[in-house]
Amino acid sequence: MFFQITGTRDADMVGVGATPERRVAVFDALPTGDKAQLVLQDADHMTFAGQTGRAVEIVPREAVTRDVQAAQHALMASISSVWWRATLLGDTAARRRLLAPQGLRQGDIWRQK
């Protein structure tokens, strides 16, 4: 069981060569099974820090990333809640909702295997 969330701008923060493409590739390298991946268009590494306002601005960010962050936080909370209901509780209604999650924006990618 694996659920990965990353973004199209989720780049290297500490100089180890991480790129959005490498982060996405992790999903394909894992064994097939109960796994899912959400790739958010324009999300950068700080999108996933759980902070807002000045605290999230400790690194330079694109305006588009700031503009969509609140909606992306809501989407991550929604989809991850449905994912855990489906996988941990065996909730069949939640599993059906994962076939076409609500709230994805143009450019977002949702995959399951």
PDB file of N, CA and C in Angstrom:
ATOM      1  N   MET A   1       0.855  -1.163   0.000  1.00  0.00           N
ATOM      2  CA  MET A   1       0.000   0.000   0.000  1.00  0.00           C
ATOM      3  C   MET A   1       0.909   1.236   0.000  1.00  0.00           C
ATOM      4  N   PHE A   2       0.678   2.131  -0.970  1.00  0.00           N
ATOM      5  CA  PHE A   2       1.524   3.308  -1.106  1.00  0.00           C
ATOM      6  C   PHE A   2       0.716   4.423  -1.751  1.00  0.00           C
ATOM      7  N   PHE A   3       0.806   5.621  -1.187  1.00  0.00           N
ATOM      8  CA  PHE A   3       0.143   6.800  -1.744  1.00  0.00           C
ATOM      9  C   PHE A   3       1.167   7.915  -1.810  1.00  0.00           C
ATOM     10  N   GLN A   4       1.483   8.361  -3.010  1.00  0.00           N
ATOM     11  CA  GLN A   4       2.485   9.397  -3.226  1.00  0.00           C
ATOM     12  C   GLN A   4       1.815  10.665  -3.735  1.00  0.00           C
ATOM     13  N   ILE A   5       2.229  11.794  -3.170  1.00  0.00           N
ATOM     14  CA  ILE A   5       1.779  13.097  -3.661  1.00  0.00           C
ATOM     15  C   ILE A   5       3.030  13.920  -3.975  1.00  0.00           C
ATOM     16  N   THR A   6       3.078  14.494  -5.164  1.00  0.00           N
ATOM     17  CA  THR A   6       4.184  15.345  -5.564  1.00  0.00           C
ATOM     18  C   THR A   6       3.640  16.416  -6.502  1.00  0.00           C
ATOM     19  N   GLY A   7       4.529  17.249  -7.020  1.00  0.00           N
ATOM     20  CA  GLY A   7       4.096  18.338  -7.892  1.00  0.00           C
ATOM     21  C   GLY A   7       5.020  18.528  -9.074  1.00  0.00           C
ATOM     22  N   THR A   8       4.514  19.193 -10.084  1.00  0.00           N
ATOM     23  CA  THR A   8       5.291  19.415 -11.302  1.00  0.00           C
ATOM     24  C   THR A   8       6.449  20.395 -11.087  1.00  0.00           C
ATOM     25  N   ARG A   9       6.466  21.086  -9.945  1.00  0.00           N
ATOM     26  CA  ARG A   9       7.569  21.997  -9.621  1.00  0.00           C
ATOM     27  C   ARG A   9       8.282  21.576  -8.330  1.00  0.00           C
ATOM     28  N   ASP A  10       8.097  20.314  -7.943  1.00  0.00           N
ATOM     29  CA  ASP A  10       8.685  19.789  -6.703  1.00  0.00           C
ATOM     30  C   ASP A  10      10.146  19.432  -6.961  1.00  0.00           C
ATOM     31  N   ALA A  11      10.987  20.452  -6.930  1.00  0.00           N
ATOM     32  CA  ALA A  11      12.388  20.304  -7.318  1.00  0.00           C
ATOM     33  C   ALA A  11      13.303  20.133  -6.109  1.00  0.00           C
ATOM     34  N   ASP A  12      14.583  20.104  -6.389  1.00  0.00           N
ATOM     35  CA  ASP A  12      15.633  19.863  -5.401  1.00  0.00           C
ATOM     36  C   ASP A  12      15.708  20.995  -4.380  1.00  0.00           C
ATOM     37  N   MET A  13      15.649  20.639  -3.113  1.00  0.00           N
ATOM     38  CA  MET A  13      15.724  21.636  -2.046  1.00  0.00           C
ATOM     39  C   MET A  13      17.055  21.605  -1.303  1.00  0.00           C
ATOM     40  N   VAL A  14      17.765  20.478  -1.371  1.00  0.00           N
ATOM     41  CA  VAL A  14      18.983  20.343  -0.561  1.00  0.00           C
ATOM     42  C   VAL A  14      20.197  19.904  -1.371  1.00  0.00           C
ATOM     43  N   GLY A  15      20.132  19.977  -2.690  1.00  0.00           N
ATOM     44  CA  GLY A  15      21.288  19.703  -3.514  1.00  0.00           C
ATOM     45  C   GLY A  15      21.597  18.236  -3.754  1.00  0.00           C
ATOM     46  N   VAL A  16      20.579  17.394  -3.773  1.00  0.00           N
ATOM     47  CA  VAL A  16      20.819  15.967  -4.020  1.00  0.00           C
ATOM     48  C   VAL A  16      20.377  15.540  -5.418  1.00  0.00           C
ATOM     49  N   GLY A  17      19.960  16.482  -6.237  1.00  0.00           N
ATOM     50  CA  GLY A  17      19.588  16.182  -7.609  1.00  0.00           C
ATOM     51  C   GLY A  17      18.144  15.772  -7.815  1.00  0.00           C
ATOM     52  N   ALA A  18      17.287  15.981  -6.831  1.00  0.00           N
ATOM     53  CA  ALA A  18      15.876  15.643  -6.990  1.00  0.00           C
ATOM     54  C   ALA A  18      15.246  16.537  -8.048  1.00  0.00           C
ATOM     55  N   THR A  19      14.430  15.944  -8.878  1.00  0.00           N
ATOM     56  CA  THR A  19      13.685  16.683  -9.889  1.00  0.00           C
ATOM     57  C   THR A  19      12.232  16.216  -9.839  1.00  0.00           C
ATOM     58  N   PRO A  20      11.328  17.006 -10.387  1.00  0.00           N
ATOM     59  CA  PRO A  20       9.940  16.530 -10.444  1.00  0.00           C
ATOM     60  C   PRO A  20       9.829  15.186 -11.176  1.00  0.00           C
ATOM     61  N   GLU A  21      10.598  15.022 -12.227  1.00  0.00           N
ATOM     62  CA  GLU A  21      10.553  13.775 -12.992  1.00  0.00           C
ATOM     63  C   GLU A  21      11.026  12.586 -12.154  1.00  0.00           C
ATOM     64  N   ARG A  22      12.069  12.770 -11.377  1.00  0.00           N
ATOM     65  CA  ARG A  22      12.556  11.678 -10.503  1.00  0.00           C
ATOM     66  C   ARG A  22      11.549  11.359  -9.407  1.00  0.00           C
ATOM     67  N   ARG A  23      10.905  12.368  -8.880  1.00  0.00           N
ATOM     68  CA  ARG A  23       9.904  12.122  -7.832  1.00  0.00           C
ATOM     69  C   ARG A  23       8.725  11.332  -8.403  1.00  0.00           C
ATOM     70  N   VAL A  24       8.288  11.670  -9.609  1.00  0.00           N
ATOM     71  CA  VAL A  24       7.188  10.955 -10.252  1.00  0.00           C
ATOM     72  C   VAL A  24       7.598   9.514 -10.555  1.00  0.00           C
ATOM     73  N   ALA A  25       8.842   9.310 -10.957  1.00  0.00           N
ATOM     74  CA  ALA A  25       9.324   7.980 -11.346  1.00  0.00           C
ATOM     75  C   ALA A  25       9.309   6.977 -10.195  1.00  0.00           C
ATOM     76  N   VAL A  26       9.322   7.443  -8.962  1.00  0.00           N
ATOM     77  CA  VAL A  26       9.270   6.535  -7.810  1.00  0.00           C
ATOM     78  C   VAL A  26       8.060   5.616  -7.916  1.00  0.00           C
ATOM     79  N   PHE A  27       6.935   6.153  -8.317  1.00  0.00           N
ATOM     80  CA  PHE A  27       5.691   5.387  -8.419  1.00  0.00           C
ATOM     81  C   PHE A  27       5.859   4.184  -9.342  1.00  0.00           C
ATOM     82  N   ASP A  28       6.444   4.407 -10.507  1.00  0.00           N
ATOM     83  CA  ASP A  28       6.612   3.323 -11.471  1.00  0.00           C
ATOM     84  C   ASP A  28       7.608   2.277 -10.994  1.00  0.00           C
ATOM     85  N   ALA A  29       8.543   2.671 -10.146  1.00  0.00           N
ATOM     86  CA  ALA A  29       9.556   1.733  -9.654  1.00  0.00           C
ATOM     87  C   ALA A  29       9.030   0.815  -8.552  1.00  0.00           C
ATOM     88  N   LEU A  30       7.915   1.162  -7.945  1.00  0.00           N
ATOM     89  CA  LEU A  30       7.348   0.341  -6.878  1.00  0.00           C
ATOM     90  C   LEU A  30       6.594  -0.848  -7.461  1.00  0.00           C
ATOM     91  N   PRO A  31       6.523  -1.949  -6.712  1.00  0.00           N
ATOM     92  CA  PRO A  31       5.750  -3.099  -7.206  1.00  0.00           C
ATOM     93  C   PRO A  31       4.288  -2.715  -7.423  1.00  0.00           C
ATOM     94  N   THR A  32       3.679  -3.340  -8.422  1.00  0.00           N
ATOM     95  CA  THR A  32       2.256  -3.122  -8.660  1.00  0.00           C
ATOM     96  C   THR A  32       1.480  -3.663  -7.475  1.00  0.00           C
ATOM     97  N   GLY A  33       0.452  -2.970  -7.111  1.00  0.00           N
ATOM     98  CA  GLY A  33      -0.365  -3.368  -5.977  1.00  0.00           C
ATOM     99  C   GLY A  33      -1.299  -2.240  -5.637  1.00  0.00           C
ATOM    100  N   ASP A  34      -1.619  -2.102  -4.401  1.00  0.00           N
ATOM    101  CA  ASP A  34      -2.533  -1.051  -3.970  1.00  0.00           C
ATOM    102  C   ASP A  34      -1.738   0.231  -3.788  1.00  0.00           C
ATOM    103  N   LYS A  35      -1.519   0.939  -4.901  1.00  0.00           N
ATOM    104  CA  LYS A  35      -0.744   2.176  -4.845  1.00  0.00           C
ATOM    105  C   LYS A  35      -1.416   3.238  -5.695  1.00  0.00           C
ATOM    106  N   ALA A  36      -1.179   4.489  -5.327  1.00  0.00           N
ATOM    107  CA  ALA A  36      -1.750   5.620  -6.052  1.00  0.00           C
ATOM    108  C   ALA A  36      -0.759   6.777  -6.043  1.00  0.00           C
ATOM    109  N   GLN A  37      -0.915   7.630  -7.041  1.00  0.00           N
ATOM    110  CA  GLN A  37      -0.054   8.801  -7.163  1.00  0.00           C
ATOM    111  C   GLN A  37      -0.885   9.998  -7.578  1.00  0.00           C
ATOM    112  N   LEU A  38      -0.677  11.103  -6.879  1.00  0.00           N
ATOM    113  CA  LEU A  38      -1.293  12.381  -7.227  1.00  0.00           C
ATOM    114  C   LEU A  38      -0.170  13.352  -7.545  1.00  0.00           C
ATOM    115  N   VAL A  39      -0.154  13.851  -8.777  1.00  0.00           N
ATOM    116  CA  VAL A  39       0.831  14.852  -9.198  1.00  0.00           C
ATOM    117  C   VAL A  39       0.057  16.145  -9.429  1.00  0.00           C
ATOM    118  N   LEU A  40       0.377  17.154  -8.648  1.00  0.00           N
ATOM    119  CA  LEU A  40      -0.338  18.433  -8.710  1.00  0.00           C
ATOM    120  C   LEU A  40       0.383  19.412  -9.625  1.00  0.00           C
ATOM    121  N   GLN A  41      -0.343  19.910 -10.598  1.00  0.00           N
ATOM    122  CA  GLN A  41       0.196  20.905 -11.523  1.00  0.00           C
ATOM    123  C   GLN A  41       0.613  22.151 -10.751  1.00  0.00           C
ATOM    124  N   ASP A  42       1.860  22.574 -10.943  1.00  0.00           N
ATOM    125  CA  ASP A  42       2.434  23.791 -10.364  1.00  0.00           C
ATOM    126  C   ASP A  42       2.716  23.724  -8.865  1.00  0.00           C
ATOM    127  N   ALA A  43       2.577  22.560  -8.243  1.00  0.00           N
ATOM    128  CA  ALA A  43       2.937  22.447  -6.820  1.00  0.00           C
ATOM    129  C   ALA A  43       4.461  22.336  -6.700  1.00  0.00           C
ATOM    130  N   ASP A  44       5.035  23.123  -5.790  1.00  0.00           N
ATOM    131  CA  ASP A  44       6.471  23.030  -5.531  1.00  0.00           C
ATOM    132  C   ASP A  44       6.691  22.333  -4.188  1.00  0.00           C
ATOM    133  N   HIS A  45       7.930  22.196  -3.796  1.00  0.00           N
ATOM    134  CA  HIS A  45       8.239  21.452  -2.574  1.00  0.00           C
ATOM    135  C   HIS A  45       7.582  22.076  -1.342  1.00  0.00           C
ATOM    136  N   MET A  46       7.512  23.396  -1.303  1.00  0.00           N
ATOM    137  CA  MET A  46       6.936  24.069  -0.146  1.00  0.00           C
ATOM    138  C   MET A  46       5.418  23.891  -0.063  1.00  0.00           C
ATOM    139  N   THR A  47       4.780  23.522  -1.160  1.00  0.00           N
ATOM    140  CA  THR A  47       3.349  23.231  -1.135  1.00  0.00           C
ATOM    141  C   THR A  47       3.056  22.143  -0.105  1.00  0.00           C
ATOM    142  N   PHE A  48       3.995  21.227   0.070  1.00  0.00           N
ATOM    143  CA  PHE A  48       3.803  20.064   0.939  1.00  0.00           C
ATOM    144  C   PHE A  48       4.349  20.268   2.350  1.00  0.00           C
ATOM    145  N   ALA A  49       4.808  21.479   2.661  1.00  0.00           N
ATOM    146  CA  ALA A  49       5.406  21.753   3.969  1.00  0.00           C
ATOM    147  C   ALA A  49       4.361  21.940   5.066  1.00  0.00           C
ATOM    148  N   GLY A  50       3.118  22.143   4.673  1.00  0.00           N
ATOM    149  CA  GLY A  50       2.057  22.318   5.659  1.00  0.00           C
ATOM    150  C   GLY A  50       1.976  23.715   6.235  1.00  0.00           C
ATOM    151  N   GLN A  51       2.706  24.631   5.643  1.00  0.00           N
ATOM    152  CA  GLN A  51       2.726  25.996   6.141  1.00  0.00           C
ATOM    153  C   GLN A  51       2.039  26.920   5.152  1.00  0.00           C
ATOM    154  N   THR A  52       1.708  28.106   5.608  1.00  0.00           N
ATOM    155  CA  THR A  52       1.143  29.134   4.743  1.00  0.00           C
ATOM    156  C   THR A  52       1.797  30.466   5.093  1.00  0.00           C
ATOM    157  N   GLY A  53       1.512  31.468   4.298  1.00  0.00           N
ATOM    158  CA  GLY A  53       2.018  32.814   4.580  1.00  0.00           C
ATOM    159  C   GLY A  53       3.525  32.908   4.471  1.00  0.00           C
ATOM    160  N   ARG A  54       4.119  33.747   5.310  1.00  0.00           N
ATOM    161  CA  ARG A  54       5.559  34.007   5.249  1.00  0.00           C
ATOM    162  C   ARG A  54       6.403  32.769   5.519  1.00  0.00           C
ATOM    163  N   ALA A  55       5.914  31.855   6.347  1.00  0.00           N
ATOM    164  CA  ALA A  55       6.688  30.657   6.696  1.00  0.00           C
ATOM    165  C   ALA A  55       6.995  29.795   5.473  1.00  0.00           C
ATOM    166  N   VAL A  56       6.119  29.804   4.481  1.00  0.00           N
ATOM    167  CA  VAL A  56       6.319  28.989   3.297  1.00  0.00           C
ATOM    168  C   VAL A  56       7.189  29.695   2.260  1.00  0.00           C
ATOM    169  N   GLU A  57       7.503  30.945   2.490  1.00  0.00           N
ATOM    170  CA  GLU A  57       8.278  31.744   1.540  1.00  0.00           C
ATOM    171  C   GLU A  57       9.769  31.765   1.871  1.00  0.00           C
ATOM    172  N   ILE A  58      10.273  30.732   2.502  1.00  0.00           N
ATOM    173  CA  ILE A  58      11.701  30.710   2.851  1.00  0.00           C
ATOM    174  C   ILE A  58      12.582  30.429   1.642  1.00  0.00           C
ATOM    175  N   VAL A  59      11.974  30.025   0.538  1.00  0.00           N
ATOM    176  CA  VAL A  59      12.683  29.843  -0.729  1.00  0.00           C
ATOM    177  C   VAL A  59      11.905  30.593  -1.805  1.00  0.00           C
ATOM    178  N   PRO A  60      12.581  30.987  -2.882  1.00  0.00           N
ATOM    179  CA  PRO A  60      11.862  31.674  -3.961  1.00  0.00           C
ATOM    180  C   PRO A  60      10.786  30.756  -4.562  1.00  0.00           C
ATOM    181  N   ARG A  61       9.605  31.321  -4.827  1.00  0.00           N
ATOM    182  CA  ARG A  61       8.492  30.551  -5.374  1.00  0.00           C
ATOM    183  C   ARG A  61       7.859  31.317  -6.534  1.00  0.00           C
ATOM    184  N   GLU A  62       7.246  30.583  -7.428  1.00  0.00           N
ATOM    185  CA  GLU A  62       6.525  31.175  -8.545  1.00  0.00           C
ATOM    186  C   GLU A  62       5.153  31.658  -8.060  1.00  0.00           C
ATOM    187  N   ALA A  63       4.653  32.721  -8.648  1.00  0.00           N
ATOM    188  CA  ALA A  63       3.351  33.261  -8.265  1.00  0.00           C
ATOM    189  C   ALA A  63       2.237  32.240  -8.470  1.00  0.00           C
ATOM    190  N   VAL A  64       2.294  31.476  -9.553  1.00  0.00           N
ATOM    191  CA  VAL A  64       1.243  30.492  -9.824  1.00  0.00           C
ATOM    192  C   VAL A  64       1.180  29.442  -8.708  1.00  0.00           C
ATOM    193  N   THR A  65       2.320  29.104  -8.151  1.00  0.00           N
ATOM    194  CA  THR A  65       2.354  28.121  -7.077  1.00  0.00           C
ATOM    195  C   THR A  65       1.655  28.661  -5.838  1.00  0.00           C
ATOM    196  N   ARG A  66       1.919  29.906  -5.511  1.00  0.00           N
ATOM    197  CA  ARG A  66       1.233  30.544  -4.383  1.00  0.00           C
ATOM    198  C   ARG A  66      -0.270  30.615  -4.626  1.00  0.00           C
ATOM    199  N   ASP A  67      -0.659  30.962  -5.851  1.00  0.00           N
ATOM    200  CA  ASP A  67      -2.065  31.159  -6.179  1.00  0.00           C
ATOM    201  C   ASP A  67      -2.897  29.894  -6.029  1.00  0.00           C
ATOM    202  N   VAL A  68      -2.321  28.735  -6.287  1.00  0.00           N
ATOM    203  CA  VAL A  68      -3.104  27.486  -6.256  1.00  0.00           C
ATOM    204  C   VAL A  68      -2.914  26.688  -4.968  1.00  0.00           C
ATOM    205  N   GLN A  69      -2.055  27.161  -4.091  1.00  0.00           N
ATOM    206  CA  GLN A  69      -1.705  26.362  -2.905  1.00  0.00           C
ATOM    207  C   GLN A  69      -2.899  26.033  -2.009  1.00  0.00           C
ATOM    208  N   ALA A  70      -3.754  26.983  -1.716  1.00  0.00           N
ATOM    209  CA  ALA A  70      -4.893  26.708  -0.826  1.00  0.00           C
ATOM    210  C   ALA A  70      -5.808  25.640  -1.420  1.00  0.00           C
ATOM    211  N   ALA A  71      -6.084  25.741  -2.708  1.00  0.00           N
ATOM    212  CA  ALA A  71      -6.917  24.732  -3.369  1.00  0.00           C
ATOM    213  C   ALA A  71      -6.227  23.373  -3.362  1.00  0.00           C
ATOM    214  N   GLN A  72      -4.915  23.367  -3.539  1.00  0.00           N
ATOM    215  CA  GLN A  72      -4.185  22.102  -3.523  1.00  0.00           C
ATOM    216  C   GLN A  72      -4.182  21.476  -2.134  1.00  0.00           C
ATOM    217  N   HIS A  73      -4.068  22.271  -1.100  1.00  0.00           N
ATOM    218  CA  HIS A  73      -4.140  21.730   0.260  1.00  0.00           C
ATOM    219  C   HIS A  73      -5.491  21.071   0.500  1.00  0.00           C
ATOM    220  N   ALA A  74      -6.552  21.712   0.059  1.00  0.00           N
ATOM    221  CA  ALA A  74      -7.895  21.140   0.218  1.00  0.00           C
ATOM    222  C   ALA A  74      -8.024  19.842  -0.583  1.00  0.00           C
ATOM    223  N   LEU A  75      -7.498  19.832  -1.791  1.00  0.00           N
ATOM    224  CA  LEU A  75      -7.556  18.631  -2.631  1.00  0.00           C
ATOM    225  C   LEU A  75      -6.770  17.486  -2.009  1.00  0.00           C
ATOM    226  N   MET A  76      -5.578  17.773  -1.508  1.00  0.00           N
ATOM    227  CA  MET A  76      -4.773  16.725  -0.864  1.00  0.00           C
ATOM    228  C   MET A  76      -5.496  16.145   0.344  1.00  0.00           C
ATOM    229  N   ALA A  77      -6.109  16.991   1.132  1.00  0.00           N
ATOM    230  CA  ALA A  77      -6.850  16.505   2.307  1.00  0.00           C
ATOM    231  C   ALA A  77      -8.016  15.628   1.881  1.00  0.00           C
ATOM    232  N   SER A  78      -8.724  16.050   0.865  1.00  0.00           N
ATOM    233  CA  SER A  78      -9.887  15.302   0.398  1.00  0.00           C
ATOM    234  C   SER A  78      -9.497  13.941  -0.175  1.00  0.00           C
ATOM    235  N   ILE A  79      -8.576  13.944  -1.136  1.00  0.00           N
ATOM    236  CA  ILE A  79      -8.207  12.684  -1.788  1.00  0.00           C
ATOM    237  C   ILE A  79      -7.507  11.738  -0.823  1.00  0.00           C
ATOM    238  N   SER A  80      -6.642  12.260   0.035  1.00  0.00           N
ATOM    239  CA  SER A  80      -5.959  11.360   0.973  1.00  0.00           C
ATOM    240  C   SER A  80      -6.938  10.745   1.966  1.00  0.00           C
ATOM    241  N   SER A  81      -7.945  11.499   2.384  1.00  0.00           N
ATOM    242  CA  SER A  81      -8.964  10.940   3.279  1.00  0.00           C
ATOM    243  C   SER A  81      -9.728   9.808   2.601  1.00  0.00           C
ATOM    244  N   VAL A  82     -10.100  10.035   1.345  1.00  0.00           N
ATOM    245  CA  VAL A  82     -10.811   8.996   0.595  1.00  0.00           C
ATOM    246  C   VAL A  82      -9.902   7.784   0.390  1.00  0.00           C
ATOM    247  N   TRP A  83      -8.643   8.016   0.061  1.00  0.00           N
ATOM    248  CA  TRP A  83      -7.676   6.926  -0.145  1.00  0.00           C
ATOM    249  C   TRP A  83      -7.572   6.054   1.109  1.00  0.00           C
ATOM    250  N   TRP A  84      -7.392   6.700   2.267  1.00  0.00           N
ATOM    251  CA  TRP A  84      -7.230   5.922   3.499  1.00  0.00           C
ATOM    252  C   TRP A  84      -8.516   5.205   3.884  1.00  0.00           C
ATOM    253  N   ARG A  85      -9.658   5.796   3.628  1.00  0.00           N
ATOM    254  CA  ARG A  85     -10.930   5.094   3.883  1.00  0.00           C
ATOM    255  C   ARG A  85     -11.017   3.838   3.013  1.00  0.00           C
ATOM    256  N   ALA A  86     -10.633   3.994   1.759  1.00  0.00           N
ATOM    257  CA  ALA A  86     -10.704   2.857   0.832  1.00  0.00           C
ATOM    258  C   ALA A  86      -9.718   1.756   1.208  1.00  0.00           C
ATOM    259  N   THR A  87      -8.494   2.136   1.539  1.00  0.00           N
ATOM    260  CA  THR A  87      -7.469   1.117   1.776  1.00  0.00           C
ATOM    261  C   THR A  87      -7.487   0.560   3.189  1.00  0.00           C
ATOM    262  N   LEU A  88      -7.677   1.389   4.185  1.00  0.00           N
ATOM    263  CA  LEU A  88      -7.617   0.903   5.560  1.00  0.00           C
ATOM    264  C   LEU A  88      -8.945   0.341   6.055  1.00  0.00           C
ATOM    265  N   LEU A  89     -10.035   0.927   5.580  1.00  0.00           N
ATOM    266  CA  LEU A  89     -11.346   0.489   6.053  1.00  0.00           C
ATOM    267  C   LEU A  89     -12.073  -0.418   5.057  1.00  0.00           C
ATOM    268  N   GLY A  90     -11.519  -0.543   3.855  1.00  0.00           N
ATOM    269  CA  GLY A  90     -12.184  -1.346   2.839  1.00  0.00           C
ATOM    270  C   GLY A  90     -13.495  -0.740   2.377  1.00  0.00           C
ATOM    271  N   ASP A  91     -13.612   0.567   2.432  1.00  0.00           N
ATOM    272  CA  ASP A  91     -14.826   1.294   2.082  1.00  0.00           C
ATOM    273  C   ASP A  91     -15.010   1.263   0.553  1.00  0.00           C
ATOM    274  N   THR A  92     -15.997   0.511   0.092  1.00  0.00           N
ATOM    275  CA  THR A  92     -16.193   0.370  -1.355  1.00  0.00           C
ATOM    276  C   THR A  92     -16.677   1.668  -2.007  1.00  0.00           C
ATOM    277  N   ALA A  93     -17.452   2.469  -1.308  1.00  0.00           N
ATOM    278  CA  ALA A  93     -17.887   3.755  -1.863  1.00  0.00           C
ATOM    279  C   ALA A  93     -16.678   4.674  -2.058  1.00  0.00           C
ATOM    280  N   ALA A  94     -15.757   4.676  -1.105  1.00  0.00           N
ATOM    281  CA  ALA A  94     -14.530   5.470  -1.233  1.00  0.00           C
ATOM    282  C   ALA A  94     -13.700   4.949  -2.404  1.00  0.00           C
ATOM    283  N   ARG A  95     -13.611   3.649  -2.555  1.00  0.00           N
ATOM    284  CA  ARG A  95     -12.850   3.053  -3.662  1.00  0.00           C
ATOM    285  C   ARG A  95     -13.433   3.516  -5.003  1.00  0.00           C
ATOM    286  N   ARG A  96     -14.743   3.583  -5.104  1.00  0.00           N
ATOM    287  CA  ARG A  96     -15.375   4.061  -6.345  1.00  0.00           C
ATOM    288  C   ARG A  96     -15.052   5.537  -6.592  1.00  0.00           C
ATOM    289  N   ARG A  97     -15.034   6.341  -5.526  1.00  0.00           N
ATOM    290  CA  ARG A  97     -14.715   7.777  -5.692  1.00  0.00           C
ATOM    291  C   ARG A  97     -13.289   7.972  -6.206  1.00  0.00           C
ATOM    292  N   LEU A  98     -12.409   7.023  -5.907  1.00  0.00           N
ATOM    293  CA  LEU A  98     -11.031   7.131  -6.375  1.00  0.00           C
ATOM    294  C   LEU A  98     -10.889   6.876  -7.875  1.00  0.00           C
ATOM    295  N   LEU A  99     -11.911   6.327  -8.501  1.00  0.00           N
ATOM    296  CA  LEU A  99     -11.861   6.105  -9.942  1.00  0.00           C
ATOM    297  C   LEU A  99     -11.834   7.428 -10.701  1.00  0.00           C
ATOM    298  N   ALA A 100     -12.457   8.454 -10.145  1.00  0.00           N
ATOM    299  CA  ALA A 100     -12.478   9.791 -10.744  1.00  0.00           C
ATOM    300  C   ALA A 100     -12.580  10.817  -9.615  1.00  0.00           C
ATOM    301  N   PRO A 101     -11.463  11.079  -8.920  1.00  0.00           N
ATOM    302  CA  PRO A 101     -11.501  11.998  -7.770  1.00  0.00           C
ATOM    303  C   PRO A 101     -12.013  13.387  -8.145  1.00  0.00           C
ATOM    304  N   GLN A 102     -12.809  13.951  -7.254  1.00  0.00           N
ATOM    305  CA  GLN A 102     -13.341  15.300  -7.438  1.00  0.00           C
ATOM    306  C   GLN A 102     -12.261  16.338  -7.133  1.00  0.00           C
ATOM    307  N   GLY A 103     -12.284  17.439  -7.881  1.00  0.00           N
ATOM    308  CA  GLY A 103     -11.431  18.578  -7.565  1.00  0.00           C
ATOM    309  C   GLY A 103     -10.112  18.650  -8.304  1.00  0.00           C
ATOM    310  N   LEU A 104      -9.815  17.676  -9.161  1.00  0.00           N
ATOM    311  CA  LEU A 104      -8.563  17.753  -9.914  1.00  0.00           C
ATOM    312  C   LEU A 104      -8.623  18.943 -10.871  1.00  0.00           C
ATOM    313  N   ARG A 105      -7.499  19.653 -10.971  1.00  0.00           N
ATOM    314  CA  ARG A 105      -7.390  20.783 -11.901  1.00  0.00           C
ATOM    315  C   ARG A 105      -6.756  20.299 -13.196  1.00  0.00           C
ATOM    316  N   GLN A 106      -6.875  21.095 -14.239  1.00  0.00           N
ATOM    317  CA  GLN A 106      -6.215  20.765 -15.500  1.00  0.00           C
ATOM    318  C   GLN A 106      -4.713  20.619 -15.232  1.00  0.00           C
ATOM    319  N   GLY A 107      -4.143  19.541 -15.704  1.00  0.00           N
ATOM    320  CA  GLY A 107      -2.718  19.274 -15.518  1.00  0.00           C
ATOM    321  C   GLY A 107      -2.422  18.385 -14.328  1.00  0.00           C
ATOM    322  N   ASP A 108      -3.353  18.229 -13.397  1.00  0.00           N
ATOM    323  CA  ASP A 108      -3.162  17.291 -12.280  1.00  0.00           C
ATOM    324  C   ASP A 108      -3.238  15.868 -12.838  1.00  0.00           C
ATOM    325  N   ILE A 109      -2.501  14.967 -12.226  1.00  0.00           N
ATOM    326  CA  ILE A 109      -2.489  13.567 -12.652  1.00  0.00           C
ATOM    327  C   ILE A 109      -2.843  12.689 -11.477  1.00  0.00           C
ATOM    328  N   TRP A 110      -3.779  11.777 -11.671  1.00  0.00           N
ATOM    329  CA  TRP A 110      -4.157  10.793 -10.676  1.00  0.00           C
ATOM    330  C   TRP A 110      -3.969   9.420 -11.303  1.00  0.00           C
ATOM    331  N   ARG A 111      -3.156   8.579 -10.648  1.00  0.00           N
ATOM    332  CA  ARG A 111      -2.930   7.228 -11.150  1.00  0.00           C
ATOM    333  C   ARG A 111      -3.073   6.233 -10.011  1.00  0.00           C
ATOM    334  N   GLN A 112      -3.583   5.053 -10.372  1.00  0.00           N
ATOM    335  CA  GLN A 112      -3.676   3.935  -9.434  1.00  0.00           C
ATOM    336  C   GLN A 112      -3.227   2.671 -10.134  1.00  0.00           C
ATOM    337  N   LYS A 113      -2.570   1.794  -9.389  1.00  0.00           N
ATOM    338  CA  LYS A 113      -2.179   0.477  -9.925  1.00  0.00           C
ATOM    339  C   LYS A 113      -2.311  -0.544  -8.828  1.00  0.00           C
TER     340      LYS A 113
END
